[in-house]
Amino acid sequence: FFAAIVVEVLVDRARRGSAYRLGCAVSDLQVGIASQVVEL
């Protein structure tokens, strides 16, 4: 998953896209981590 995210970010940047905003991506990952902890 993380490798796919890195590839997607690199391709998006190379195409000068806007699929990633740092704040949103960090928030997505924080929510994902919190959900994994609670779901244990």
PDB file of all heavy atoms in Angstrom:
ATOM      1  N   PHE A   1       0.836  -1.205   0.000  1.00  0.00           N
ATOM      2  CA  PHE A   1       0.000   0.000   0.000  1.00  0.00           C
ATOM      3  C   PHE A   1       0.872   1.258   0.000  1.00  0.00           C
ATOM      4  O   PHE A   1       0.649   2.185  -0.775  1.00  0.00           O
ATOM      5  CB  PHE A   1      -0.923   0.038   1.226  1.00  0.00           C
ATOM      6  CG  PHE A   1      -1.989  -1.023   1.265  1.00  0.00           C
ATOM      7  CD1 PHE A   1      -2.650  -1.285   2.452  1.00  0.00           C
ATOM      8  CD2 PHE A   1      -2.347  -1.749   0.145  1.00  0.00           C
ATOM      9  CE1 PHE A   1      -3.647  -2.241   2.517  1.00  0.00           C
ATOM     10  CE2 PHE A   1      -3.338  -2.714   0.198  1.00  0.00           C
ATOM     11  CZ  PHE A   1      -3.991  -2.953   1.389  1.00  0.00           C
ATOM     12  N   PHE A   2       1.863   1.291   0.891  1.00  0.00           N
ATOM     13  CA  PHE A   2       2.721   2.473   0.968  1.00  0.00           C
ATOM     14  C   PHE A   2       3.540   2.649  -0.302  1.00  0.00           C
ATOM     15  O   PHE A   2       3.732   3.777  -0.764  1.00  0.00           O
ATOM     16  CB  PHE A   2       3.607   2.433   2.217  1.00  0.00           C
ATOM     17  CG  PHE A   2       2.876   2.857   3.461  1.00  0.00           C
ATOM     18  CD1 PHE A   2       2.489   1.932   4.409  1.00  0.00           C
ATOM     19  CD2 PHE A   2       2.550   4.193   3.659  1.00  0.00           C
ATOM     20  CE1 PHE A   2       1.791   2.327   5.543  1.00  0.00           C
ATOM     21  CE2 PHE A   2       1.848   4.591   4.788  1.00  0.00           C
ATOM     22  CZ  PHE A   2       1.475   3.657   5.739  1.00  0.00           C
ATOM     23  N   ALA A   3       3.997   1.556  -0.889  1.00  0.00           N
ATOM     24  CA  ALA A   3       4.733   1.643  -2.158  1.00  0.00           C
ATOM     25  C   ALA A   3       3.825   2.203  -3.251  1.00  0.00           C
ATOM     26  O   ALA A   3       4.252   3.057  -4.045  1.00  0.00           O
ATOM     27  CB  ALA A   3       5.275   0.268  -2.559  1.00  0.00           C
ATOM     28  N   ALA A   4       2.569   1.759  -3.288  1.00  0.00           N
ATOM     29  CA  ALA A   4       1.615   2.262  -4.283  1.00  0.00           C
ATOM     30  C   ALA A   4       1.353   3.751  -4.076  1.00  0.00           C
ATOM     31  O   ALA A   4       1.240   4.506  -5.043  1.00  0.00           O
ATOM     32  CB  ALA A   4       0.310   1.475  -4.217  1.00  0.00           C
ATOM     33  N   ILE A   5       1.279   4.178  -2.813  1.00  0.00           N
ATOM     34  CA  ILE A   5       1.078   5.602  -2.525  1.00  0.00           C
ATOM     35  C   ILE A   5       2.269   6.410  -3.025  1.00  0.00           C
ATOM     36  O   ILE A   5       2.098   7.451  -3.667  1.00  0.00           O
ATOM     37  CB  ILE A   5       0.837   5.833  -1.015  1.00  0.00           C
ATOM     38  CG1 ILE A   5      -0.544   5.272  -0.616  1.00  0.00           C
ATOM     39  CG2 ILE A   5       0.950   7.307  -0.647  1.00  0.00           C
ATOM     40  CD1 ILE A   5      -0.789   5.220   0.887  1.00  0.00           C
ATOM     41  N   VAL A   6       3.474   5.935  -2.770  1.00  0.00           N
ATOM     42  CA  VAL A   6       4.683   6.641  -3.221  1.00  0.00           C
ATOM     43  C   VAL A   6       4.704   6.737  -4.748  1.00  0.00           C
ATOM     44  O   VAL A   6       4.949   7.808  -5.306  1.00  0.00           O
ATOM     45  CB  VAL A   6       5.962   5.951  -2.690  1.00  0.00           C
ATOM     46  CG1 VAL A   6       7.201   6.497  -3.371  1.00  0.00           C
ATOM     47  CG2 VAL A   6       6.059   6.119  -1.175  1.00  0.00           C
ATOM     48  N   VAL A   7       4.409   5.624  -5.428  1.00  0.00           N
ATOM     49  CA  VAL A   7       4.378   5.634  -6.899  1.00  0.00           C
ATOM     50  C   VAL A   7       3.311   6.609  -7.393  1.00  0.00           C
ATOM     51  O   VAL A   7       3.559   7.405  -8.310  1.00  0.00           O
ATOM     52  CB  VAL A   7       4.141   4.217  -7.469  1.00  0.00           C
ATOM     53  CG1 VAL A   7       3.823   4.261  -8.952  1.00  0.00           C
ATOM     54  CG2 VAL A   7       5.350   3.333  -7.195  1.00  0.00           C
ATOM     55  N   GLU A   8       2.131   6.573  -6.775  1.00  0.00           N
ATOM     56  CA  GLU A   8       1.047   7.469  -7.189  1.00  0.00           C
ATOM     57  C   GLU A   8       1.454   8.930  -6.994  1.00  0.00           C
ATOM     58  O   GLU A   8       1.193   9.773  -7.861  1.00  0.00           O
ATOM     59  CB  GLU A   8      -0.233   7.149  -6.406  1.00  0.00           C
ATOM     60  CG  GLU A   8      -1.446   7.917  -6.907  1.00  0.00           C
ATOM     61  CD  GLU A   8      -2.702   7.595  -6.132  1.00  0.00           C
ATOM     62  OE1 GLU A   8      -2.658   7.509  -4.880  1.00  0.00           O
ATOM     63  OE2 GLU A   8      -3.755   7.437  -6.788  1.00  0.00           O
ATOM     64  N   VAL A   9       2.103   9.248  -5.878  1.00  0.00           N
ATOM     65  CA  VAL A   9       2.556  10.620  -5.623  1.00  0.00           C
ATOM     66  C   VAL A   9       3.577  11.042  -6.678  1.00  0.00           C
ATOM     67  O   VAL A   9       3.485  12.138  -7.252  1.00  0.00           O
ATOM     68  CB  VAL A   9       3.162  10.753  -4.203  1.00  0.00           C
ATOM     69  CG1 VAL A   9       3.930  12.069  -4.055  1.00  0.00           C
ATOM     70  CG2 VAL A   9       2.091  10.647  -3.147  1.00  0.00           C
ATOM     71  N   LEU A  10       4.550  10.174  -6.961  1.00  0.00           N
ATOM     72  CA  LEU A  10       5.599  10.510  -7.935  1.00  0.00           C
ATOM     73  C   LEU A  10       5.026  10.714  -9.337  1.00  0.00           C
ATOM     74  O   LEU A  10       5.384  11.677 -10.029  1.00  0.00           O
ATOM     75  CB  LEU A  10       6.675   9.424  -7.947  1.00  0.00           C
ATOM     76  CG  LEU A  10       7.502   9.304  -6.660  1.00  0.00           C
ATOM     77  CD1 LEU A  10       8.431   8.107  -6.738  1.00  0.00           C
ATOM     78  CD2 LEU A  10       8.270  10.593  -6.379  1.00  0.00           C
ATOM     79  N   VAL A  11       4.121   9.836  -9.751  1.00  0.00           N
ATOM     80  CA  VAL A  11       3.506   9.973 -11.070  1.00  0.00           C
ATOM     81  C   VAL A  11       2.645  11.239 -11.115  1.00  0.00           C
ATOM     82  O   VAL A  11       2.668  11.979 -12.096  1.00  0.00           O
ATOM     83  CB  VAL A  11       2.681   8.715 -11.437  1.00  0.00           C
ATOM     84  CG1 VAL A  11       1.839   8.947 -12.682  1.00  0.00           C
ATOM     85  CG2 VAL A  11       3.606   7.513 -11.619  1.00  0.00           C
ATOM     86  N   ASP A  12       1.903  11.485 -10.038  1.00  0.00           N
ATOM     87  CA  ASP A  12       1.062  12.683  -9.977  1.00  0.00           C
ATOM     88  C   ASP A  12       1.919  13.943 -10.074  1.00  0.00           C
ATOM     89  O   ASP A  12       1.570  14.872 -10.803  1.00  0.00           O
ATOM     90  CB  ASP A  12       0.246  12.680  -8.682  1.00  0.00           C
ATOM     91  CG  ASP A  12      -0.727  13.841  -8.618  1.00  0.00           C
ATOM     92  OD1 ASP A  12      -1.617  13.920  -9.496  1.00  0.00           O
ATOM     93  OD2 ASP A  12      -0.604  14.674  -7.691  1.00  0.00           O
ATOM     94  N   ARG A  13       3.038  13.970  -9.369  1.00  0.00           N
ATOM     95  CA  ARG A  13       3.936  15.134  -9.419  1.00  0.00           C
ATOM     96  C   ARG A  13       4.533  15.283 -10.820  1.00  0.00           C
ATOM     97  O   ARG A  13       4.631  16.394 -11.338  1.00  0.00           O
ATOM     98  CB  ARG A  13       5.059  15.016  -8.382  1.00  0.00           C
ATOM     99  CG  ARG A  13       4.594  15.092  -6.954  1.00  0.00           C
ATOM    100  CD  ARG A  13       4.111  16.496  -6.606  1.00  0.00           C
ATOM    101  NE  ARG A  13       3.676  16.542  -5.223  1.00  0.00           N
ATOM    102  CZ  ARG A  13       2.425  16.740  -4.844  1.00  0.00           C
ATOM    103  NH1 ARG A  13       1.474  16.921  -5.716  1.00  0.00           N
ATOM    104  NH2 ARG A  13       2.106  16.762  -3.573  1.00  0.00           N
ATOM    105  N   ALA A  14       4.944  14.178 -11.435  1.00  0.00           N
ATOM    106  CA  ALA A  14       5.533  14.226 -12.779  1.00  0.00           C
ATOM    107  C   ALA A  14       4.526  14.757 -13.794  1.00  0.00           C
ATOM    108  O   ALA A  14       4.900  15.459 -14.737  1.00  0.00           O
ATOM    109  CB  ALA A  14       6.022  12.840 -13.194  1.00  0.00           C
ATOM    110  N   ARG A  15       3.262  14.445 -13.604  1.00  0.00           N
ATOM    111  CA  ARG A  15       2.205  14.923 -14.505  1.00  0.00           C
ATOM    112  C   ARG A  15       1.679  16.289 -14.096  1.00  0.00           C
ATOM    113  O   ARG A  15       0.726  16.795 -14.688  1.00  0.00           O
ATOM    114  CB  ARG A  15       1.042  13.929 -14.512  1.00  0.00           C
ATOM    115  CG  ARG A  15       1.373  12.611 -15.147  1.00  0.00           C
ATOM    116  CD  ARG A  15       0.161  11.713 -15.123  1.00  0.00           C
ATOM    117  NE  ARG A  15       0.444  10.448 -15.771  1.00  0.00           N
ATOM    118  CZ  ARG A  15      -0.373   9.406 -15.770  1.00  0.00           C
ATOM    119  NH1 ARG A  15      -1.536   9.489 -15.156  1.00  0.00           N
ATOM    120  NH2 ARG A  15      -0.025   8.306 -16.373  1.00  0.00           N
ATOM    121  N   ARG A  16       2.256  16.838 -13.037  1.00  0.00           N
ATOM    122  CA  ARG A  16       1.816  18.113 -12.477  1.00  0.00           C
ATOM    123  C   ARG A  16       0.335  18.072 -12.083  1.00  0.00           C
ATOM    124  O   ARG A  16      -0.414  19.032 -12.270  1.00  0.00           O
ATOM    125  CB  ARG A  16       2.093  19.264 -13.434  1.00  0.00           C
ATOM    126  CG  ARG A  16       3.541  19.378 -13.823  1.00  0.00           C
ATOM    127  CD  ARG A  16       3.879  20.774 -14.278  1.00  0.00           C
ATOM    128  NE  ARG A  16       5.194  20.915 -14.849  1.00  0.00           N
ATOM    129  CZ  ARG A  16       6.345  20.803 -14.193  1.00  0.00           C
ATOM    130  NH1 ARG A  16       6.349  20.506 -12.933  1.00  0.00           N
ATOM    131  NH2 ARG A  16       7.496  20.972 -14.797  1.00  0.00           N
ATOM    132  N   GLY A  17      -0.050  16.925 -11.530  1.00  0.00           N
ATOM    133  CA  GLY A  17      -1.434  16.733 -11.101  1.00  0.00           C
ATOM    134  C   GLY A  17      -1.698  17.323  -9.731  1.00  0.00           C
ATOM    135  O   GLY A  17      -0.827  17.963  -9.126  1.00  0.00           O
ATOM    136  N   SER A  18      -2.901  17.079  -9.263  1.00  0.00           N
ATOM    137  CA  SER A  18      -3.284  17.602  -7.947  1.00  0.00           C
ATOM    138  C   SER A  18      -3.988  16.530  -7.115  1.00  0.00           C
ATOM    139  O   SER A  18      -4.865  16.837  -6.328  1.00  0.00           O
ATOM    140  CB  SER A  18      -4.195  18.813  -8.115  1.00  0.00           C
ATOM    141  OG  SER A  18      -5.367  18.430  -8.824  1.00  0.00           O
ATOM    142  N   ALA A  19      -3.598  15.271  -7.322  1.00  0.00           N
ATOM    143  CA  ALA A  19      -4.254  14.175  -6.601  1.00  0.00           C
ATOM    144  C   ALA A  19      -3.837  14.127  -5.131  1.00  0.00           C
ATOM    145  O   ALA A  19      -4.520  13.509  -4.323  1.00  0.00           O
ATOM    146  CB  ALA A  19      -3.950  12.836  -7.273  1.00  0.00           C
ATOM    147  N   TYR A  20      -2.711  14.761  -4.795  1.00  0.00           N
ATOM    148  CA  TYR A  20      -2.223  14.714  -3.413  1.00  0.00           C
ATOM    149  C   TYR A  20      -1.967  16.109  -2.886  1.00  0.00           C
ATOM    150  O   TYR A  20      -1.300  16.923  -3.518  1.00  0.00           O
ATOM    151  CB  TYR A  20      -0.917  13.914  -3.319  1.00  0.00           C
ATOM    152  CG  TYR A  20      -1.143  12.439  -3.183  1.00  0.00           C
ATOM    153  CD1 TYR A  20      -1.245  11.642  -4.312  1.00  0.00           C
ATOM    154  CD2 TYR A  20      -1.287  11.837  -1.941  1.00  0.00           C
ATOM    155  CE1 TYR A  20      -1.463  10.282  -4.209  1.00  0.00           C
ATOM    156  CE2 TYR A  20      -1.501  10.477  -1.822  1.00  0.00           C
ATOM    157  CZ  TYR A  20      -1.592   9.708  -2.954  1.00  0.00           C
ATOM    158  OH  TYR A  20      -1.813   8.368  -2.846  1.00  0.00           O
ATOM    159  N   ARG A  21      -2.500  16.346  -1.709  1.00  0.00           N
ATOM    160  CA  ARG A  21      -2.153  17.524  -0.916  1.00  0.00           C
ATOM    161  C   ARG A  21      -1.596  16.981   0.386  1.00  0.00           C
ATOM    162  O   ARG A  21      -2.196  16.085   0.982  1.00  0.00           O
ATOM    163  CB  ARG A  21      -3.375  18.390  -0.670  1.00  0.00           C
ATOM    164  CG  ARG A  21      -3.760  19.170  -1.928  1.00  0.00           C
ATOM    165  CD  ARG A  21      -4.993  19.942  -1.682  1.00  0.00           C
ATOM    166  NE  ARG A  21      -6.080  19.006  -2.006  1.00  0.00           N
ATOM    167  CZ  ARG A  21      -7.287  19.396  -2.337  1.00  0.00           C
ATOM    168  NH1 ARG A  21      -7.587  20.652  -2.356  1.00  0.00           N
ATOM    169  NH2 ARG A  21      -8.207  18.516  -2.644  1.00  0.00           N
ATOM    170  N   LEU A  22      -0.478  17.479   0.804  1.00  0.00           N
ATOM    171  CA  LEU A  22       0.226  16.939   1.958  1.00  0.00           C
ATOM    172  C   LEU A  22      -0.669  16.856   3.196  1.00  0.00           C
ATOM    173  O   LEU A  22      -0.727  15.829   3.860  1.00  0.00           O
ATOM    174  CB  LEU A  22       1.486  17.756   2.254  1.00  0.00           C
ATOM    175  CG  LEU A  22       2.318  17.254   3.436  1.00  0.00           C
ATOM    176  CD1 LEU A  22       2.823  15.842   3.167  1.00  0.00           C
ATOM    177  CD2 LEU A  22       3.461  18.196   3.716  1.00  0.00           C
ATOM    178  N   GLY A  23      -1.370  17.933   3.501  1.00  0.00           N
ATOM    179  CA  GLY A  23      -2.226  17.952   4.693  1.00  0.00           C
ATOM    180  C   GLY A  23      -3.294  16.876   4.662  1.00  0.00           C
ATOM    181  O   GLY A  23      -3.528  16.179   5.661  1.00  0.00           O
ATOM    182  N   CYS A  24      -3.935  16.723   3.510  1.00  0.00           N
ATOM    183  CA  CYS A  24      -4.979  15.694   3.375  1.00  0.00           C
ATOM    184  C   CYS A  24      -4.385  14.295   3.490  1.00  0.00           C
ATOM    185  O   CYS A  24      -4.952  13.431   4.165  1.00  0.00           O
ATOM    186  CB  CYS A  24      -5.703  15.832   2.040  1.00  0.00           C
ATOM    187  SG  CYS A  24      -6.820  17.224   1.960  1.00  0.00           S
ATOM    188  N   ALA A  25      -3.256  14.061   2.842  1.00  0.00           N
ATOM    189  CA  ALA A  25      -2.633  12.734   2.875  1.00  0.00           C
ATOM    190  C   ALA A  25      -2.201  12.378   4.300  1.00  0.00           C
ATOM    191  O   ALA A  25      -2.415  11.251   4.754  1.00  0.00           O
ATOM    192  CB  ALA A  25      -1.448  12.680   1.922  1.00  0.00           C
ATOM    193  N   VAL A  26      -1.630  13.321   5.015  1.00  0.00           N
ATOM    194  CA  VAL A  26      -1.222  13.069   6.403  1.00  0.00           C
ATOM    195  C   VAL A  26      -2.454  12.780   7.254  1.00  0.00           C
ATOM    196  O   VAL A  26      -2.454  11.860   8.078  1.00  0.00           O
ATOM    197  CB  VAL A  26      -0.409  14.261   6.959  1.00  0.00           C
ATOM    198  CG1 VAL A  26      -0.224  14.153   8.467  1.00  0.00           C
ATOM    199  CG2 VAL A  26       0.940  14.350   6.264  1.00  0.00           C
ATOM    200  N   SER A  27      -3.514  13.552   7.059  1.00  0.00           N
ATOM    201  CA  SER A  27      -4.759  13.313   7.793  1.00  0.00           C
ATOM    202  C   SER A  27      -5.323  11.919   7.490  1.00  0.00           C
ATOM    203  O   SER A  27      -5.759  11.207   8.394  1.00  0.00           O
ATOM    204  CB  SER A  27      -5.787  14.389   7.430  1.00  0.00           C
ATOM    205  OG  SER A  27      -7.018  14.123   8.045  1.00  0.00           O
ATOM    206  N   ASP A  28      -5.295  11.530   6.206  1.00  0.00           N
ATOM    207  CA  ASP A  28      -5.767  10.192   5.827  1.00  0.00           C
ATOM    208  C   ASP A  28      -4.991   9.115   6.564  1.00  0.00           C
ATOM    209  O   ASP A  28      -5.573   8.155   7.096  1.00  0.00           O
ATOM    210  CB  ASP A  28      -5.613   9.970   4.316  1.00  0.00           C
ATOM    211  CG  ASP A  28      -6.503  10.884   3.492  1.00  0.00           C
ATOM    212  OD1 ASP A  28      -7.481  11.421   4.031  1.00  0.00           O
ATOM    213  OD2 ASP A  28      -6.195  11.062   2.294  1.00  0.00           O
ATOM    214  N   LEU A  29      -3.680   9.259   6.606  1.00  0.00           N
ATOM    215  CA  LEU A  29      -2.831   8.266   7.271  1.00  0.00           C
ATOM    216  C   LEU A  29      -3.054   8.269   8.780  1.00  0.00           C
ATOM    217  O   LEU A  29      -3.083   7.207   9.409  1.00  0.00           O
ATOM    218  CB  LEU A  29      -1.366   8.512   6.935  1.00  0.00           C
ATOM    219  CG  LEU A  29      -1.009   8.337   5.457  1.00  0.00           C
ATOM    220  CD1 LEU A  29       0.447   8.704   5.205  1.00  0.00           C
ATOM    221  CD2 LEU A  29      -1.303   6.936   4.971  1.00  0.00           C
ATOM    222  N   GLN A  30      -3.249   9.437   9.381  1.00  0.00           N
ATOM    223  CA  GLN A  30      -3.511   9.504  10.823  1.00  0.00           C
ATOM    224  C   GLN A  30      -4.822   8.811  11.177  1.00  0.00           C
ATOM    225  O   GLN A  30      -4.892   8.070  12.152  1.00  0.00           O
ATOM    226  CB  GLN A  30      -3.557  10.958  11.296  1.00  0.00           C
ATOM    227  CG  GLN A  30      -2.209  11.623  11.322  1.00  0.00           C
ATOM    228  CD  GLN A  30      -2.301  13.107  11.628  1.00  0.00           C
ATOM    229  OE1 GLN A  30      -3.290  13.772  11.332  1.00  0.00           O
ATOM    230  NE2 GLN A  30      -1.245  13.637  12.227  1.00  0.00           N
ATOM    231  N   VAL A  31      -5.853   9.036  10.381  1.00  0.00           N
ATOM    232  CA  VAL A  31      -7.137   8.382  10.619  1.00  0.00           C
ATOM    233  C   VAL A  31      -6.984   6.864  10.459  1.00  0.00           C
ATOM    234  O   VAL A  31      -7.523   6.089  11.243  1.00  0.00           O
ATOM    235  CB  VAL A  31      -8.236   8.931   9.676  1.00  0.00           C
ATOM    236  CG1 VAL A  31      -9.495   8.091   9.746  1.00  0.00           C
ATOM    237  CG2 VAL A  31      -8.552  10.376  10.028  1.00  0.00           C
ATOM    238  N   GLY A  32      -6.218   6.453   9.451  1.00  0.00           N
ATOM    239  CA  GLY A  32      -5.982   5.030   9.237  1.00  0.00           C
ATOM    240  C   GLY A  32      -5.271   4.377  10.408  1.00  0.00           C
ATOM    241  O   GLY A  32      -5.632   3.281  10.842  1.00  0.00           O
ATOM    242  N   ILE A  33      -4.272   5.053  10.952  1.00  0.00           N
ATOM    243  CA  ILE A  33      -3.543   4.526  12.102  1.00  0.00           C
ATOM    244  C   ILE A  33      -4.468   4.439  13.313  1.00  0.00           C
ATOM    245  O   ILE A  33      -4.496   3.420  14.015  1.00  0.00           O
ATOM    246  CB  ILE A  33      -2.301   5.390  12.402  1.00  0.00           C
ATOM    247  CG1 ILE A  33      -1.259   5.202  11.294  1.00  0.00           C
ATOM    248  CG2 ILE A  33      -1.711   5.051  13.769  1.00  0.00           C
ATOM    249  CD1 ILE A  33      -0.141   6.239  11.315  1.00  0.00           C
ATOM    250  N   ALA A  34      -5.231   5.499  13.557  1.00  0.00           N
ATOM    251  CA  ALA A  34      -6.165   5.489  14.692  1.00  0.00           C
ATOM    252  C   ALA A  34      -7.180   4.366  14.558  1.00  0.00           C
ATOM    253  O   ALA A  34      -7.486   3.665  15.533  1.00  0.00           O
ATOM    254  CB  ALA A  34      -6.876   6.839  14.796  1.00  0.00           C
ATOM    255  N   SER A  35      -7.683   4.162  13.350  1.00  0.00           N
ATOM    256  CA  SER A  35      -8.677   3.105  13.164  1.00  0.00           C
ATOM    257  C   SER A  35      -8.071   1.728  13.415  1.00  0.00           C
ATOM    258  O   SER A  35      -8.708   0.859  13.986  1.00  0.00           O
ATOM    259  CB  SER A  35      -9.319   3.189  11.775  1.00  0.00           C
ATOM    260  OG  SER A  35      -8.771   2.294  10.874  1.00  0.00           O
ATOM    261  N   GLN A  36      -6.810   1.525  13.014  1.00  0.00           N
ATOM    262  CA  GLN A  36      -6.151   0.236  13.249  1.00  0.00           C
ATOM    263  C   GLN A  36      -5.968  -0.014  14.741  1.00  0.00           C
ATOM    264  O   GLN A  36      -6.149  -1.141  15.205  1.00  0.00           O
ATOM    265  CB  GLN A  36      -4.807   0.179  12.524  1.00  0.00           C
ATOM    266  CG  GLN A  36      -4.934   0.026  11.033  1.00  0.00           C
ATOM    267  CD  GLN A  36      -5.702  -1.227  10.648  1.00  0.00           C
ATOM    268  OE1 GLN A  36      -5.308  -2.339  10.986  1.00  0.00           O
ATOM    269  NE2 GLN A  36      -6.814  -1.065   9.976  1.00  0.00           N
ATOM    270  N   VAL A  37      -5.627   1.017  15.498  1.00  0.00           N
ATOM    271  CA  VAL A  37      -5.436   0.864  16.944  1.00  0.00           C
ATOM    272  C   VAL A  37      -6.770   0.505  17.612  1.00  0.00           C
ATOM    273  O   VAL A  37      -6.848  -0.436  18.395  1.00  0.00           O
ATOM    274  CB  VAL A  37      -4.831   2.149  17.555  1.00  0.00           C
ATOM    275  CG1 VAL A  37      -4.864   2.103  19.076  1.00  0.00           C
ATOM    276  CG2 VAL A  37      -3.417   2.354  17.046  1.00  0.00           C
ATOM    277  N   VAL A  38      -7.823   1.238  17.285  1.00  0.00           N
ATOM    278  CA  VAL A  38      -9.142   0.968  17.872  1.00  0.00           C
ATOM    279  C   VAL A  38      -9.645  -0.412  17.448  1.00  0.00           C
ATOM    280  O   VAL A  38     -10.181  -1.161  18.263  1.00  0.00           O
ATOM    281  CB  VAL A  38     -10.148   2.074  17.466  1.00  0.00           C
ATOM    282  CG1 VAL A  38     -11.565   1.707  17.859  1.00  0.00           C
ATOM    283  CG2 VAL A  38      -9.756   3.400  18.094  1.00  0.00           C
ATOM    284  N   GLU A  39      -9.425  -0.754  16.190  1.00  0.00           N
ATOM    285  CA  GLU A  39      -9.946  -2.026  15.694  1.00  0.00           C
ATOM    286  C   GLU A  39      -9.222  -3.238  16.265  1.00  0.00           C
ATOM    287  O   GLU A  39      -9.743  -4.345  16.188  1.00  0.00           O
ATOM    288  CB  GLU A  39      -9.949  -2.055  14.167  1.00  0.00           C
ATOM    289  CG  GLU A  39     -11.087  -1.242  13.614  1.00  0.00           C
ATOM    290  CD  GLU A  39     -11.416  -1.570  12.172  1.00  0.00           C
ATOM    291  OE1 GLU A  39     -10.676  -2.344  11.541  1.00  0.00           O
ATOM    292  OE2 GLU A  39     -12.426  -1.045  11.700  1.00  0.00           O
ATOM    293  N   LEU A  40      -8.039  -3.066  16.845  1.00  0.00           N
ATOM    294  CA  LEU A  40      -7.394  -4.184  17.523  1.00  0.00           C
ATOM    295  C   LEU A  40      -8.341  -4.783  18.558  1.00  0.00           C
ATOM    296  O   LEU A  40      -8.393  -5.991  18.738  1.00  0.00           O
ATOM    297  CB  LEU A  40      -6.108  -3.721  18.219  1.00  0.00           C
ATOM    298  CG  LEU A  40      -4.894  -3.491  17.349  1.00  0.00           C
ATOM    299  CD1 LEU A  40      -3.773  -2.859  18.171  1.00  0.00           C
ATOM    300  CD2 LEU A  40      -4.440  -4.775  16.688  1.00  0.00           C
TER     301      LEU A  40
END
